[in-house]
Amino acid sequence: MGDVLGKLFIEPSTLTGEYGFVQVLFLGFVYGYILFNASNMISDGSELLLLVPSLAGLVGSVVLPILGAVPDGAIVLFSGLGPNAQEELKVGVGALAGSTIMLFTIPWFLSIMGGRVNYEDGKCTYTKPRVAGEEWSKLMPESNFSLTGTAVECESSIAVNAKLVMLTALSYFIIQLPAFYCRGEPIKIAAAFENGFALAGMIVTFVAFCLYLVYQAREASKSKVVKDLIMEKKRSALDGGLMNIRGVMYEAFLLDEMSRSQAAAAMQAGGAAVGGHGRASRTARVSLLGGDSL
């Protein structure tokens, strides 16, 4: 299968001549465009599942993150095809590691810089004080970049996820420490020694991944981020005609119907109790008068 898929890609070394570099750039643009569109299709299609109430929480916390990693996984997969997979795989893994590090640094930095507010008396100034004037702002002045005078307030889930990231990152030591130990050894000797550790690392990381998905599924109902994502998708679907107002308010209608059914059941139970109490009272009065019981 690797040989068949490998034929879909052109070997850059064959693009020689005066315009070889231009051809390589064009192929890079084509591959990037395909991955870009595939990623958008996966994202748009999977986000439509957020419109299904019974799956919305699971999709937002489990399905979307997994499908979002498909393009990166495809890069690593196709980079390992061909006769020189060991060397080519380094490029794919390097691209995956680079994109992950970029997501950990640049967006995090920009979100903190764009969301920072004044930090006073140990609290972030998200709410306007009653005594504040019209010129009050969350960030005063707007050019305030103080490391101690500005801050952002994170939810508790951010701290939990940060701890999970650090904990799961320790699994890399399962293979990295043996790799350090075999550094400088011939490839065959190092491969034979690291083989068992690589298998153990794969099992540990897979189990950790499954446990993380279970944790995310349980916490989906409590996550404000997932709820905001669901509401934003419902708003977009309502604007685009993919959903009507009843679909958007499905949960409210469902709760209303449930409350009505519970109220009707309570009224029926109360009526039966009152009827039984009335029959018992009439029986008692007839018994006191010396008559036959009804």
C-alpha atoms as a PDB file:
ATOM      1  CA  MET A   1       0.000   0.000   0.000  1.00  0.00           C
ATOM      2  CA  GLY A   2       2.895   2.311   0.736  1.00  0.00           C
ATOM      3  CA  ASP A   3       4.187   1.938  -2.833  1.00  0.00           C
ATOM      4  CA  VAL A   4       0.753   2.796  -4.260  1.00  0.00           C
ATOM      5  CA  LEU A   5       0.316   5.883  -2.094  1.00  0.00           C
ATOM      6  CA  GLY A   6       3.910   6.886  -2.718  1.00  0.00           C
ATOM      7  CA  LYS A   7       3.215   7.193  -6.440  1.00  0.00           C
ATOM      8  CA  LEU A   8       0.783  10.029  -5.714  1.00  0.00           C
ATOM      9  CA  PHE A   9       3.731  12.244  -4.785  1.00  0.00           C
ATOM     10  CA  ILE A  10       6.495  13.459  -7.062  1.00  0.00           C
ATOM     11  CA  GLU A  11      10.092  12.957  -6.007  1.00  0.00           C
ATOM     12  CA  PRO A  12      11.599  16.472  -5.674  1.00  0.00           C
ATOM     13  CA  SER A  13      15.018  15.247  -6.867  1.00  0.00           C
ATOM     14  CA  THR A  14      13.526  14.557 -10.316  1.00  0.00           C
ATOM     15  CA  LEU A  15      12.550  18.221 -10.735  1.00  0.00           C
ATOM     16  CA  THR A  16      15.800  19.418 -12.196  1.00  0.00           C
ATOM     17  CA  GLY A  17      16.658  22.097 -14.653  1.00  0.00           C
ATOM     18  CA  GLU A  18      16.312  25.843 -14.684  1.00  0.00           C
ATOM     19  CA  TYR A  19      12.806  25.880 -13.223  1.00  0.00           C
ATOM     20  CA  GLY A  20      13.186  22.992 -10.772  1.00  0.00           C
ATOM     21  CA  PHE A  21      12.900  25.224  -7.703  1.00  0.00           C
ATOM     22  CA  VAL A  22       9.745  26.842  -9.082  1.00  0.00           C
ATOM     23  CA  GLN A  23       8.246  23.390  -9.621  1.00  0.00           C
ATOM     24  CA  VAL A  24       9.031  22.425  -6.038  1.00  0.00           C
ATOM     25  CA  LEU A  25       7.359  25.611  -4.777  1.00  0.00           C
ATOM     26  CA  PHE A  26       4.314  24.900  -6.928  1.00  0.00           C
ATOM     27  CA  LEU A  27       4.000  21.350  -5.578  1.00  0.00           C
ATOM     28  CA  GLY A  28       4.357  22.660  -2.045  1.00  0.00           C
ATOM     29  CA  PHE A  29       1.581  25.143  -2.725  1.00  0.00           C
ATOM     30  CA  VAL A  30      -0.665  22.412  -4.154  1.00  0.00           C
ATOM     31  CA  TYR A  31      -0.111  20.064  -1.214  1.00  0.00           C
ATOM     32  CA  GLY A  32      -0.670  22.901   1.251  1.00  0.00           C
ATOM     33  CA  TYR A  33      -3.867  23.933  -0.516  1.00  0.00           C
ATOM     34  CA  ILE A  34      -5.180  20.365  -0.418  1.00  0.00           C
ATOM     35  CA  LEU A  35      -4.422  20.022   3.293  1.00  0.00           C
ATOM     36  CA  PHE A  36      -5.949  23.433   3.995  1.00  0.00           C
ATOM     37  CA  ASN A  37      -9.222  22.593   2.262  1.00  0.00           C
ATOM     38  CA  ALA A  38      -9.335  19.104   3.757  1.00  0.00           C
ATOM     39  CA  SER A  39      -8.851  20.557   7.226  1.00  0.00           C
ATOM     40  CA  ASN A  40     -11.652  23.076   6.693  1.00  0.00           C
ATOM     41  CA  MET A  41     -14.006  20.389   5.379  1.00  0.00           C
ATOM     42  CA  ILE A  42     -13.303  18.175   8.372  1.00  0.00           C
ATOM     43  CA  SER A  43     -13.828  21.083  10.751  1.00  0.00           C
ATOM     44  CA  ASP A  44     -17.044  22.322   9.108  1.00  0.00           C
ATOM     45  CA  GLY A  45     -18.533  18.851   8.798  1.00  0.00           C
ATOM     46  CA  SER A  46     -17.722  17.827  12.352  1.00  0.00           C
ATOM     47  CA  GLU A  47     -19.035  21.095  13.770  1.00  0.00           C
ATOM     48  CA  LEU A  48     -22.422  20.334  12.224  1.00  0.00           C
ATOM     49  CA  LEU A  49     -22.658  17.503  14.739  1.00  0.00           C
ATOM     50  CA  LEU A  50     -22.857  20.198  17.402  1.00  0.00           C
ATOM     51  CA  LEU A  51     -26.407  20.802  16.183  1.00  0.00           C
ATOM     52  CA  VAL A  52     -27.420  17.340  17.453  1.00  0.00           C
ATOM     53  CA  PRO A  53     -28.315  17.918  21.133  1.00  0.00           C
ATOM     54  CA  SER A  54     -27.535  14.371  22.254  1.00  0.00           C
ATOM     55  CA  LEU A  55     -24.052  14.526  20.700  1.00  0.00           C
ATOM     56  CA  ALA A  56     -23.172  18.193  21.153  1.00  0.00           C
ATOM     57  CA  GLY A  57     -21.161  17.818  24.356  1.00  0.00           C
ATOM     58  CA  LEU A  58     -19.311  14.749  23.131  1.00  0.00           C
ATOM     59  CA  VAL A  59     -18.539  16.312  19.755  1.00  0.00           C
ATOM     60  CA  GLY A  60     -17.200  19.545  21.215  1.00  0.00           C
ATOM     61  CA  SER A  61     -14.917  17.876  23.728  1.00  0.00           C
ATOM     62  CA  VAL A  62     -13.829  14.684  21.940  1.00  0.00           C
ATOM     63  CA  VAL A  63     -14.667  14.509  18.220  1.00  0.00           C
ATOM     64  CA  LEU A  64     -13.505  17.973  17.161  1.00  0.00           C
ATOM     65  CA  PRO A  65     -10.044  17.718  18.788  1.00  0.00           C
ATOM     66  CA  ILE A  66      -9.491  14.283  17.215  1.00  0.00           C
ATOM     67  CA  LEU A  67     -10.573  15.351  13.733  1.00  0.00           C
ATOM     68  CA  GLY A  68      -8.498  18.507  14.053  1.00  0.00           C
ATOM     69  CA  ALA A  69      -5.394  16.333  14.420  1.00  0.00           C
ATOM     70  CA  VAL A  70      -6.115  14.362  11.226  1.00  0.00           C
ATOM     71  CA  PRO A  71      -4.147  16.706   8.888  1.00  0.00           C
ATOM     72  CA  ASP A  72      -1.075  16.517  11.140  1.00  0.00           C
ATOM     73  CA  GLY A  73      -1.400  12.749  11.275  1.00  0.00           C
ATOM     74  CA  ALA A  74      -1.658  12.630   7.481  1.00  0.00           C
ATOM     75  CA  ILE A  75       1.596  14.587   7.182  1.00  0.00           C
ATOM     76  CA  VAL A  76       3.415  12.111   9.422  1.00  0.00           C
ATOM     77  CA  LEU A  77       1.840   9.123   7.624  1.00  0.00           C
ATOM     78  CA  PHE A  78       2.787  10.171   4.109  1.00  0.00           C
ATOM     79  CA  SER A  79       6.231  11.325   5.163  1.00  0.00           C
ATOM     80  CA  GLY A  80       6.964   7.751   6.245  1.00  0.00           C
ATOM     81  CA  LEU A  81       6.124   6.239   2.864  1.00  0.00           C
ATOM     82  CA  GLY A  82       8.850   5.138   0.507  1.00  0.00           C
ATOM     83  CA  PRO A  83      12.137   3.270   0.740  1.00  0.00           C
ATOM     84  CA  ASN A  84      13.905   5.846   2.929  1.00  0.00           C
ATOM     85  CA  ALA A  85      11.160   6.076   5.548  1.00  0.00           C
ATOM     86  CA  GLN A  86      13.502   6.501   8.519  1.00  0.00           C
ATOM     87  CA  GLU A  87      14.981   9.732   7.223  1.00  0.00           C
ATOM     88  CA  GLU A  88      11.802  11.087   5.677  1.00  0.00           C
ATOM     89  CA  LEU A  89       9.838  10.447   8.860  1.00  0.00           C
ATOM     90  CA  LYS A  90      12.057  12.933  10.650  1.00  0.00           C
ATOM     91  CA  VAL A  91      10.623  15.679   8.453  1.00  0.00           C
ATOM     92  CA  GLY A  92       7.034  14.711   9.288  1.00  0.00           C
ATOM     93  CA  VAL A  93       7.675  14.408  12.997  1.00  0.00           C
ATOM     94  CA  GLY A  94       9.552  17.702  12.949  1.00  0.00           C
ATOM     95  CA  ALA A  95       6.600  19.417  11.254  1.00  0.00           C
ATOM     96  CA  LEU A  96       4.186  17.910  13.788  1.00  0.00           C
ATOM     97  CA  ALA A  97       6.357  18.949  16.734  1.00  0.00           C
ATOM     98  CA  GLY A  98       6.823  22.434  15.283  1.00  0.00           C
ATOM     99  CA  SER A  99       3.091  22.981  14.770  1.00  0.00           C
ATOM    100  CA  THR A 100       2.355  21.743  18.289  1.00  0.00           C
ATOM    101  CA  ILE A 101       4.958  24.047  19.823  1.00  0.00           C
ATOM    102  CA  MET A 102       3.591  26.941  17.780  1.00  0.00           C
ATOM    103  CA  LEU A 103       0.080  26.283  19.110  1.00  0.00           C
ATOM    104  CA  PHE A 104       1.459  26.215  22.636  1.00  0.00           C
ATOM    105  CA  THR A 105       3.276  29.524  22.298  1.00  0.00           C
ATOM    106  CA  ILE A 106       2.034  32.049  19.729  1.00  0.00           C
ATOM    107  CA  PRO A 107      -1.772  31.731  20.226  1.00  0.00           C
ATOM    108  CA  TRP A 108      -1.294  31.577  23.998  1.00  0.00           C
ATOM    109  CA  PHE A 109       0.828  34.726  23.963  1.00  0.00           C
ATOM    110  CA  LEU A 110      -1.616  36.571  21.694  1.00  0.00           C
ATOM    111  CA  SER A 111      -4.627  35.569  23.794  1.00  0.00           C
ATOM    112  CA  ILE A 112      -2.969  36.835  26.958  1.00  0.00           C
ATOM    113  CA  MET A 113      -1.844  40.051  25.324  1.00  0.00           C
ATOM    114  CA  GLY A 114      -5.266  40.700  23.775  1.00  0.00           C
ATOM    115  CA  GLY A 115      -7.282  39.689  26.848  1.00  0.00           C
ATOM    116  CA  ARG A 116      -5.235  41.348  29.555  1.00  0.00           C
ATOM    117  CA  VAL A 117      -6.917  43.762  31.985  1.00  0.00           C
ATOM    118  CA  ASN A 118      -5.723  45.814  34.923  1.00  0.00           C
ATOM    119  CA  TYR A 119      -4.738  43.801  37.989  1.00  0.00           C
ATOM    120  CA  GLU A 120      -5.586  45.588  41.219  1.00  0.00           C
ATOM    121  CA  ASP A 121      -5.808  44.337  44.810  1.00  0.00           C
ATOM    122  CA  GLY A 122      -5.242  40.764  43.705  1.00  0.00           C
ATOM    123  CA  LYS A 123      -8.152  40.765  41.226  1.00  0.00           C
ATOM    124  CA  CYS A 124      -8.646  41.361  37.520  1.00  0.00           C
ATOM    125  CA  THR A 125     -10.812  44.399  36.768  1.00  0.00           C
ATOM    126  CA  TYR A 126     -13.431  42.730  34.565  1.00  0.00           C
ATOM    127  CA  THR A 127     -16.376  44.526  36.219  1.00  0.00           C
ATOM    128  CA  LYS A 128     -16.824  48.274  36.396  1.00  0.00           C
ATOM    129  CA  PRO A 129     -16.808  49.695  39.960  1.00  0.00           C
ATOM    130  CA  ARG A 130     -19.846  51.699  40.987  1.00  0.00           C
ATOM    131  CA  VAL A 131     -17.761  54.779  41.697  1.00  0.00           C
ATOM    132  CA  ALA A 132     -15.939  54.636  38.345  1.00  0.00           C
ATOM    133  CA  GLY A 133     -16.542  57.362  35.797  1.00  0.00           C
ATOM    134  CA  GLU A 134     -17.372  57.189  32.122  1.00  0.00           C
ATOM    135  CA  GLU A 135     -13.710  57.069  31.167  1.00  0.00           C
ATOM    136  CA  TRP A 136     -13.236  53.750  33.016  1.00  0.00           C
ATOM    137  CA  SER A 137     -11.856  50.826  30.997  1.00  0.00           C
ATOM    138  CA  LYS A 138     -10.774  47.303  31.803  1.00  0.00           C
ATOM    139  CA  LEU A 139      -7.290  48.209  30.590  1.00  0.00           C
ATOM    140  CA  MET A 140      -6.075  51.674  31.526  1.00  0.00           C
ATOM    141  CA  PRO A 141      -4.170  52.913  29.672  1.00  0.00           C
ATOM    142  CA  GLU A 142      -4.593  50.739  26.584  1.00  0.00           C
ATOM    143  CA  SER A 143      -0.837  50.653  26.074  1.00  0.00           C
ATOM    144  CA  ASN A 144      -0.284  49.167  29.546  1.00  0.00           C
ATOM    145  CA  PHE A 145       2.049  46.167  29.187  1.00  0.00           C
ATOM    146  CA  SER A 146       3.035  45.870  32.843  1.00  0.00           C
ATOM    147  CA  LEU A 147       3.964  42.331  33.868  1.00  0.00           C
ATOM    148  CA  THR A 148       2.622  42.899  37.392  1.00  0.00           C
ATOM    149  CA  GLY A 149      -0.132  45.445  36.737  1.00  0.00           C
ATOM    150  CA  THR A 150      -2.024  43.490  34.057  1.00  0.00           C
ATOM    151  CA  ALA A 151      -3.285  39.911  34.018  1.00  0.00           C
ATOM    152  CA  VAL A 152      -5.930  37.521  32.700  1.00  0.00           C
ATOM    153  CA  GLU A 153      -8.208  35.309  34.764  1.00  0.00           C
ATOM    154  CA  CYS A 154      -8.426  31.678  33.658  1.00  0.00           C
ATOM    155  CA  GLU A 155     -10.993  29.027  34.447  1.00  0.00           C
ATOM    156  CA  SER A 156     -10.064  26.117  36.678  1.00  0.00           C
ATOM    157  CA  SER A 157     -10.114  23.824  33.617  1.00  0.00           C
ATOM    158  CA  ILE A 158      -7.063  25.644  32.230  1.00  0.00           C
ATOM    159  CA  ALA A 159      -4.999  24.672  35.271  1.00  0.00           C
ATOM    160  CA  VAL A 160      -6.252  21.090  35.120  1.00  0.00           C
ATOM    161  CA  ASN A 161      -5.404  20.775  31.424  1.00  0.00           C
ATOM    162  CA  ALA A 162      -1.960  22.256  32.014  1.00  0.00           C
ATOM    163  CA  LYS A 163      -1.283  19.584  34.632  1.00  0.00           C
ATOM    164  CA  LEU A 164      -2.541  16.899  32.260  1.00  0.00           C
ATOM    165  CA  VAL A 165      -0.203  18.166  29.546  1.00  0.00           C
ATOM    166  CA  MET A 166       2.795  17.997  31.885  1.00  0.00           C
ATOM    167  CA  LEU A 167       1.774  14.556  33.150  1.00  0.00           C
ATOM    168  CA  THR A 168       1.258  13.020  29.710  1.00  0.00           C
ATOM    169  CA  ALA A 169       4.478  14.608  28.419  1.00  0.00           C
ATOM    170  CA  LEU A 170       6.391  12.402  30.856  1.00  0.00           C
ATOM    171  CA  SER A 171       5.507   9.396  28.682  1.00  0.00           C
ATOM    172  CA  TYR A 172       8.095  10.565  26.145  1.00  0.00           C
ATOM    173  CA  PHE A 173      10.831   9.627  28.611  1.00  0.00           C
ATOM    174  CA  ILE A 174       9.890   5.960  28.121  1.00  0.00           C
ATOM    175  CA  ILE A 175      11.610   6.013  24.739  1.00  0.00           C
ATOM    176  CA  GLN A 176      13.797   9.081  25.119  1.00  0.00           C
ATOM    177  CA  LEU A 177      15.878   7.756  28.019  1.00  0.00           C
ATOM    178  CA  PRO A 178      16.783   4.504  26.191  1.00  0.00           C
ATOM    179  CA  ALA A 179      17.578   6.604  23.118  1.00  0.00           C
ATOM    180  CA  PHE A 180      20.001   8.679  25.190  1.00  0.00           C
ATOM    181  CA  TYR A 181      21.537   5.480  26.554  1.00  0.00           C
ATOM    182  CA  CYS A 182      22.112   4.051  23.056  1.00  0.00           C
ATOM    183  CA  ARG A 183      23.420   7.276  21.603  1.00  0.00           C
ATOM    184  CA  GLY A 184      26.415   6.553  19.375  1.00  0.00           C
ATOM    185  CA  GLU A 185      25.626   2.857  19.019  1.00  0.00           C
ATOM    186  CA  PRO A 186      25.040   1.249  15.598  1.00  0.00           C
ATOM    187  CA  ILE A 187      21.489   1.566  14.349  1.00  0.00           C
ATOM    188  CA  LYS A 188      20.741  -2.171  14.546  1.00  0.00           C
ATOM    189  CA  ILE A 189      21.960  -2.465  18.143  1.00  0.00           C
ATOM    190  CA  ALA A 190      20.068   0.668  19.206  1.00  0.00           C
ATOM    191  CA  ALA A 191      16.897  -0.505  17.422  1.00  0.00           C
ATOM    192  CA  ALA A 192      17.018  -3.920  19.106  1.00  0.00           C
ATOM    193  CA  PHE A 193      17.459  -2.297  22.522  1.00  0.00           C
ATOM    194  CA  GLU A 194      14.783   0.388  22.035  1.00  0.00           C
ATOM    195  CA  ASN A 195      12.189  -1.879  20.453  1.00  0.00           C
ATOM    196  CA  GLY A 196      10.533  -2.948  23.709  1.00  0.00           C
ATOM    197  CA  PHE A 197      10.601   0.577  25.123  1.00  0.00           C
ATOM    198  CA  ALA A 198       8.970   1.925  21.976  1.00  0.00           C
ATOM    199  CA  LEU A 199       6.142  -0.605  22.307  1.00  0.00           C
ATOM    200  CA  ALA A 200       5.701   0.236  25.985  1.00  0.00           C
ATOM    201  CA  GLY A 201       5.628   3.949  25.196  1.00  0.00           C
ATOM    202  CA  MET A 202       2.997   3.420  22.510  1.00  0.00           C
ATOM    203  CA  ILE A 203       0.780   1.447  24.905  1.00  0.00           C
ATOM    204  CA  VAL A 204       1.152   3.998  27.696  1.00  0.00           C
ATOM    205  CA  THR A 205       0.387   6.950  25.437  1.00  0.00           C
ATOM    206  CA  PHE A 206      -2.624   5.176  23.892  1.00  0.00           C
ATOM    207  CA  VAL A 207      -4.061   4.354  27.321  1.00  0.00           C
ATOM    208  CA  ALA A 208      -3.433   7.932  28.470  1.00  0.00           C
ATOM    209  CA  PHE A 209      -5.172   9.209  25.336  1.00  0.00           C
ATOM    210  CA  CYS A 210      -8.238   7.035  25.986  1.00  0.00           C
ATOM    211  CA  LEU A 211      -8.384   8.156  29.626  1.00  0.00           C
ATOM    212  CA  TYR A 212      -8.155  11.763  28.506  1.00  0.00           C
ATOM    213  CA  LEU A 213     -11.089  11.293  26.120  1.00  0.00           C
ATOM    214  CA  VAL A 214     -13.153   9.760  28.936  1.00  0.00           C
ATOM    215  CA  TYR A 215     -12.283  12.694  31.179  1.00  0.00           C
ATOM    216  CA  GLN A 216     -13.186  15.201  28.472  1.00  0.00           C
ATOM    217  CA  ALA A 217     -16.517  13.476  27.816  1.00  0.00           C
ATOM    218  CA  ARG A 218     -17.410  13.630  31.514  1.00  0.00           C
ATOM    219  CA  GLU A 219     -16.403  17.258  31.826  1.00  0.00           C
ATOM    220  CA  ALA A 220     -18.159  18.338  28.627  1.00  0.00           C
ATOM    221  CA  SER A 221     -21.385  19.251  30.432  1.00  0.00           C
ATOM    222  CA  LYS A 222     -19.440  21.544  32.783  1.00  0.00           C
ATOM    223  CA  SER A 223     -17.232  23.245  30.194  1.00  0.00           C
ATOM    224  CA  LYS A 224     -18.201  26.826  29.425  1.00  0.00           C
ATOM    225  CA  VAL A 225     -16.008  26.764  26.313  1.00  0.00           C
ATOM    226  CA  VAL A 226     -17.941  23.831  24.836  1.00  0.00           C
ATOM    227  CA  LYS A 227     -21.267  25.497  25.653  1.00  0.00           C
ATOM    228  CA  ASP A 228     -20.145  28.733  23.994  1.00  0.00           C
ATOM    229  CA  LEU A 229     -18.991  26.785  20.942  1.00  0.00           C
ATOM    230  CA  ILE A 230     -22.376  25.052  20.697  1.00  0.00           C
ATOM    231  CA  MET A 231     -24.270  28.331  20.997  1.00  0.00           C
ATOM    232  CA  GLU A 232     -22.075  29.982  18.353  1.00  0.00           C
ATOM    233  CA  LYS A 233     -22.666  27.120  15.932  1.00  0.00           C
ATOM    234  CA  LYS A 234     -26.425  27.272  16.570  1.00  0.00           C
ATOM    235  CA  ARG A 235     -26.398  30.993  15.844  1.00  0.00           C
ATOM    236  CA  SER A 236     -24.524  30.422  12.582  1.00  0.00           C
ATOM    237  CA  ALA A 237     -26.911  27.610  11.612  1.00  0.00           C
ATOM    238  CA  LEU A 238     -29.882  29.846  12.377  1.00  0.00           C
ATOM    239  CA  ASP A 239     -28.455  32.637  10.216  1.00  0.00           C
ATOM    240  CA  GLY A 240     -27.680  30.214   7.394  1.00  0.00           C
ATOM    241  CA  GLY A 241     -31.107  28.561   7.444  1.00  0.00           C
ATOM    242  CA  LEU A 242     -29.781  25.182   8.582  1.00  0.00           C
ATOM    243  CA  MET A 243     -31.858  25.292  11.772  1.00  0.00           C
ATOM    244  CA  ASN A 244     -35.120  26.897  12.851  1.00  0.00           C
ATOM    245  CA  ILE A 245     -35.864  28.567  16.152  1.00  0.00           C
ATOM    246  CA  ARG A 246     -37.391  25.388  17.585  1.00  0.00           C
ATOM    247  CA  GLY A 247     -34.183  23.537  16.885  1.00  0.00           C
ATOM    248  CA  VAL A 248     -32.145  26.237  18.601  1.00  0.00           C
ATOM    249  CA  MET A 249     -34.486  26.183  21.603  1.00  0.00           C
ATOM    250  CA  TYR A 250     -34.802  22.383  21.596  1.00  0.00           C
ATOM    251  CA  GLU A 251     -33.444  21.973  25.103  1.00  0.00           C
ATOM    252  CA  ALA A 252     -35.775  24.651  26.430  1.00  0.00           C
ATOM    253  CA  PHE A 253     -38.764  22.965  24.744  1.00  0.00           C
ATOM    254  CA  LEU A 254     -37.642  19.602  26.087  1.00  0.00           C
ATOM    255  CA  LEU A 255     -37.360  20.936  29.626  1.00  0.00           C
ATOM    256  CA  ASP A 256     -40.779  22.570  29.289  1.00  0.00           C
ATOM    257  CA  GLU A 257     -42.368  19.320  28.138  1.00  0.00           C
ATOM    258  CA  MET A 258     -40.667  17.410  30.932  1.00  0.00           C
ATOM    259  CA  SER A 259     -41.890  19.900  33.533  1.00  0.00           C
ATOM    260  CA  ARG A 260     -45.421  19.671  32.133  1.00  0.00           C
ATOM    261  CA  SER A 261     -45.420  15.874  32.222  1.00  0.00           C
ATOM    262  CA  GLN A 262     -44.048  15.909  35.761  1.00  0.00           C
ATOM    263  CA  ALA A 263     -46.705  18.400  36.833  1.00  0.00           C
ATOM    264  CA  ALA A 264     -49.450  16.291  35.236  1.00  0.00           C
ATOM    265  CA  ALA A 265     -48.131  13.172  36.957  1.00  0.00           C
ATOM    266  CA  ALA A 266     -48.021  15.026  40.274  1.00  0.00           C
ATOM    267  CA  MET A 267     -51.597  16.233  39.804  1.00  0.00           C
ATOM    268  CA  GLN A 268     -52.774  12.712  38.992  1.00  0.00           C
ATOM    269  CA  ALA A 269     -50.973  11.321  42.018  1.00  0.00           C
ATOM    270  CA  GLY A 270     -52.425  14.093  44.201  1.00  0.00           C
ATOM    271  CA  GLY A 271     -55.930  13.484  42.840  1.00  0.00           C
ATOM    272  CA  ALA A 272     -55.657   9.773  43.546  1.00  0.00           C
ATOM    273  CA  ALA A 273     -54.473  10.506  47.084  1.00  0.00           C
ATOM    274  CA  VAL A 274     -57.324  12.963  47.667  1.00  0.00           C
ATOM    275  CA  GLY A 275     -59.871  10.475  46.258  1.00  0.00           C
ATOM    276  CA  GLY A 276     -58.592   7.717  48.500  1.00  0.00           C
ATOM    277  CA  HIS A 277     -58.658  10.008  51.514  1.00  0.00           C
ATOM    278  CA  GLY A 278     -62.282  11.023  50.678  1.00  0.00           C
ATOM    279  CA  ARG A 279     -63.454   7.400  50.423  1.00  0.00           C
ATOM    280  CA  ALA A 280     -61.772   6.566  53.710  1.00  0.00           C
ATOM    281  CA  SER A 281     -63.493   9.527  55.401  1.00  0.00           C
ATOM    282  CA  ARG A 282     -66.928   8.532  54.112  1.00  0.00           C
ATOM    283  CA  THR A 283     -66.366   4.950  55.276  1.00  0.00           C
ATOM    284  CA  ALA A 284     -65.433   6.166  58.734  1.00  0.00           C
ATOM    285  CA  ARG A 285     -68.543   8.368  59.009  1.00  0.00           C
ATOM    286  CA  VAL A 286     -70.866   5.550  57.942  1.00  0.00           C
ATOM    287  CA  SER A 287     -69.216   3.214  60.488  1.00  0.00           C
ATOM    288  CA  LEU A 288     -69.782   5.735  63.278  1.00  0.00           C
ATOM    289  CA  LEU A 289     -73.485   6.058  62.320  1.00  0.00           C
ATOM    290  CA  GLY A 290     -73.888   2.290  62.472  1.00  0.00           C
ATOM    291  CA  GLY A 291     -74.455   1.856  58.756  1.00  0.00           C
ATOM    292  CA  ASP A 292     -72.865  -0.488  56.268  1.00  0.00           C
ATOM    293  CA  SER A 293     -69.495   0.490  54.931  1.00  0.00           C
ATOM    294  CA  LEU A 294     -69.454   1.817  51.415  1.00  0.00           C
END
